[in-house]
Amino acid sequence: MFIIKKPFDNNMSVTRGLIFSLVSIIPAMILGLISYIILGGVTSSPDSSNFMYGPCYGVPFSIIIISFIYGLKEQPELE
């Protein structure tokens, strides 16, 4: 159905991937914050020893990368 086929040969797919990733930044940060709170992160302490890298970096960046890859996929032409 969707096939990644030489993504940088088609400028439209790269542009679509960039737009998808830019649009997903705010929801990714919100989901990162929610996952930080659910996993027991302390929101009142500014101490760096309480920092969790997975929810703060892993969740948002993985969502942004997945949305970029989704934008690179070719979609069938509609007639």
C-alpha atoms as a PDB file:
ATOM      1  CA  MET A   1       0.000   0.000   0.000  1.00  0.00           C
ATOM      2  CA  PHE A   2       2.507   2.637   1.138  1.00  0.00           C
ATOM      3  CA  ILE A   3       6.047   2.179  -0.069  1.00  0.00           C
ATOM      4  CA  ILE A   4       9.108   4.286   0.670  1.00  0.00           C
ATOM      5  CA  LYS A   5      10.756   4.579  -2.714  1.00  0.00           C
ATOM      6  CA  LYS A   6      13.852   6.786  -3.026  1.00  0.00           C
ATOM      7  CA  PRO A   7      12.469   9.465  -0.686  1.00  0.00           C
ATOM      8  CA  PHE A   8      14.844  12.228  -1.730  1.00  0.00           C
ATOM      9  CA  ASP A   9      14.053  11.877  -5.451  1.00  0.00           C
ATOM     10  CA  ASN A  10      10.620  13.320  -4.829  1.00  0.00           C
ATOM     11  CA  ASN A  11      10.683  16.772  -3.229  1.00  0.00           C
ATOM     12  CA  MET A  12       6.995  16.564  -2.402  1.00  0.00           C
ATOM     13  CA  SER A  13       7.482  13.621  -0.052  1.00  0.00           C
ATOM     14  CA  VAL A  14      10.356  15.340   1.777  1.00  0.00           C
ATOM     15  CA  THR A  15       8.307  18.512   2.151  1.00  0.00           C
ATOM     16  CA  ARG A  16       5.317  16.515   3.372  1.00  0.00           C
ATOM     17  CA  GLY A  17       7.550  14.715   5.880  1.00  0.00           C
ATOM     18  CA  LEU A  18       8.920  18.014   7.192  1.00  0.00           C
ATOM     19  CA  ILE A  19       5.428  19.487   7.529  1.00  0.00           C
ATOM     20  CA  PHE A  20       4.174  16.370   9.346  1.00  0.00           C
ATOM     21  CA  SER A  21       7.116  16.487  11.737  1.00  0.00           C
ATOM     22  CA  LEU A  22       6.691  20.219  12.383  1.00  0.00           C
ATOM     23  CA  VAL A  23       2.988  19.770  13.110  1.00  0.00           C
ATOM     24  CA  SER A  24       3.708  16.874  15.478  1.00  0.00           C
ATOM     25  CA  ILE A  25       6.146  18.813  17.706  1.00  0.00           C
ATOM     26  CA  ILE A  26       3.561  20.221  20.151  1.00  0.00           C
ATOM     27  CA  PRO A  27       1.570  16.951  20.555  1.00  0.00           C
ATOM     28  CA  ALA A  28       4.864  15.074  20.975  1.00  0.00           C
ATOM     29  CA  MET A  29       5.938  17.398  23.793  1.00  0.00           C
ATOM     30  CA  ILE A  30       2.553  17.035  25.478  1.00  0.00           C
ATOM     31  CA  LEU A  31       2.733  13.226  25.257  1.00  0.00           C
ATOM     32  CA  GLY A  32       6.293  13.366  26.610  1.00  0.00           C
ATOM     33  CA  LEU A  33       5.117  15.412  29.596  1.00  0.00           C
ATOM     34  CA  ILE A  34       2.188  13.066  30.217  1.00  0.00           C
ATOM     35  CA  SER A  35       4.460  10.007  30.057  1.00  0.00           C
ATOM     36  CA  TYR A  36       6.926  11.717  32.430  1.00  0.00           C
ATOM     37  CA  ILE A  37       4.156  12.320  34.974  1.00  0.00           C
ATOM     38  CA  ILE A  38       2.688   8.802  34.567  1.00  0.00           C
ATOM     39  CA  LEU A  39       6.105   7.184  35.082  1.00  0.00           C
ATOM     40  CA  GLY A  40       6.544   9.047  38.366  1.00  0.00           C
ATOM     41  CA  GLY A  41       8.569  12.093  37.384  1.00  0.00           C
ATOM     42  CA  VAL A  42       8.728  14.864  39.973  1.00  0.00           C
ATOM     43  CA  THR A  43       7.382  18.084  38.449  1.00  0.00           C
ATOM     44  CA  SER A  44       8.087  20.301  41.461  1.00  0.00           C
ATOM     45  CA  SER A  45      11.814  19.572  41.775  1.00  0.00           C
ATOM     46  CA  PRO A  46      14.304  21.439  39.555  1.00  0.00           C
ATOM     47  CA  ASP A  47      17.040  18.990  40.599  1.00  0.00           C
ATOM     48  CA  SER A  48      18.625  17.251  37.607  1.00  0.00           C
ATOM     49  CA  SER A  49      18.972  13.957  39.479  1.00  0.00           C
ATOM     50  CA  ASN A  50      15.199  13.422  39.117  1.00  0.00           C
ATOM     51  CA  PHE A  51      15.362  13.773  35.321  1.00  0.00           C
ATOM     52  CA  MET A  52      14.217  10.856  33.121  1.00  0.00           C
ATOM     53  CA  TYR A  53      15.623  10.766  29.586  1.00  0.00           C
ATOM     54  CA  GLY A  54      13.139   8.265  28.133  1.00  0.00           C
ATOM     55  CA  PRO A  55       9.951  10.251  28.559  1.00  0.00           C
ATOM     56  CA  CYS A  56      11.598  13.633  28.036  1.00  0.00           C
ATOM     57  CA  TYR A  57      13.597  12.832  24.906  1.00  0.00           C
ATOM     58  CA  GLY A  58      12.611   9.364  23.724  1.00  0.00           C
ATOM     59  CA  VAL A  59       8.862   9.836  23.417  1.00  0.00           C
ATOM     60  CA  PRO A  60       8.866  13.241  21.639  1.00  0.00           C
ATOM     61  CA  PHE A  61      11.716  12.457  19.254  1.00  0.00           C
ATOM     62  CA  SER A  62      10.293   9.052  18.354  1.00  0.00           C
ATOM     63  CA  ILE A  63       6.908  10.622  17.559  1.00  0.00           C
ATOM     64  CA  ILE A  64       8.566  13.310  15.424  1.00  0.00           C
ATOM     65  CA  ILE A  65      10.703  10.748  13.557  1.00  0.00           C
ATOM     66  CA  ILE A  66       7.710   8.454  12.973  1.00  0.00           C
ATOM     67  CA  SER A  67       5.664  11.353  11.589  1.00  0.00           C
ATOM     68  CA  PHE A  68       8.552  12.313   9.261  1.00  0.00           C
ATOM     69  CA  ILE A  69       8.795   8.731   7.969  1.00  0.00           C
ATOM     70  CA  TYR A  70       5.023   8.655   7.490  1.00  0.00           C
ATOM     71  CA  GLY A  71       5.304  11.830   5.391  1.00  0.00           C
ATOM     72  CA  LEU A  72       8.028  10.261   3.222  1.00  0.00           C
ATOM     73  CA  LYS A  73       5.816   7.357   2.217  1.00  0.00           C
ATOM     74  CA  GLU A  74       4.349   7.608  -1.244  1.00  0.00           C
ATOM     75  CA  GLN A  75       0.599   7.747  -1.402  1.00  0.00           C
ATOM     76  CA  PRO A  76      -1.345   6.484  -4.395  1.00  0.00           C
ATOM     77  CA  GLU A  77      -2.546   9.086  -6.860  1.00  0.00           C
ATOM     78  CA  LEU A  78      -6.223   9.937  -6.690  1.00  0.00           C
ATOM     79  CA  GLU A  79      -8.008  10.344  -9.981  1.00  0.00           C
END
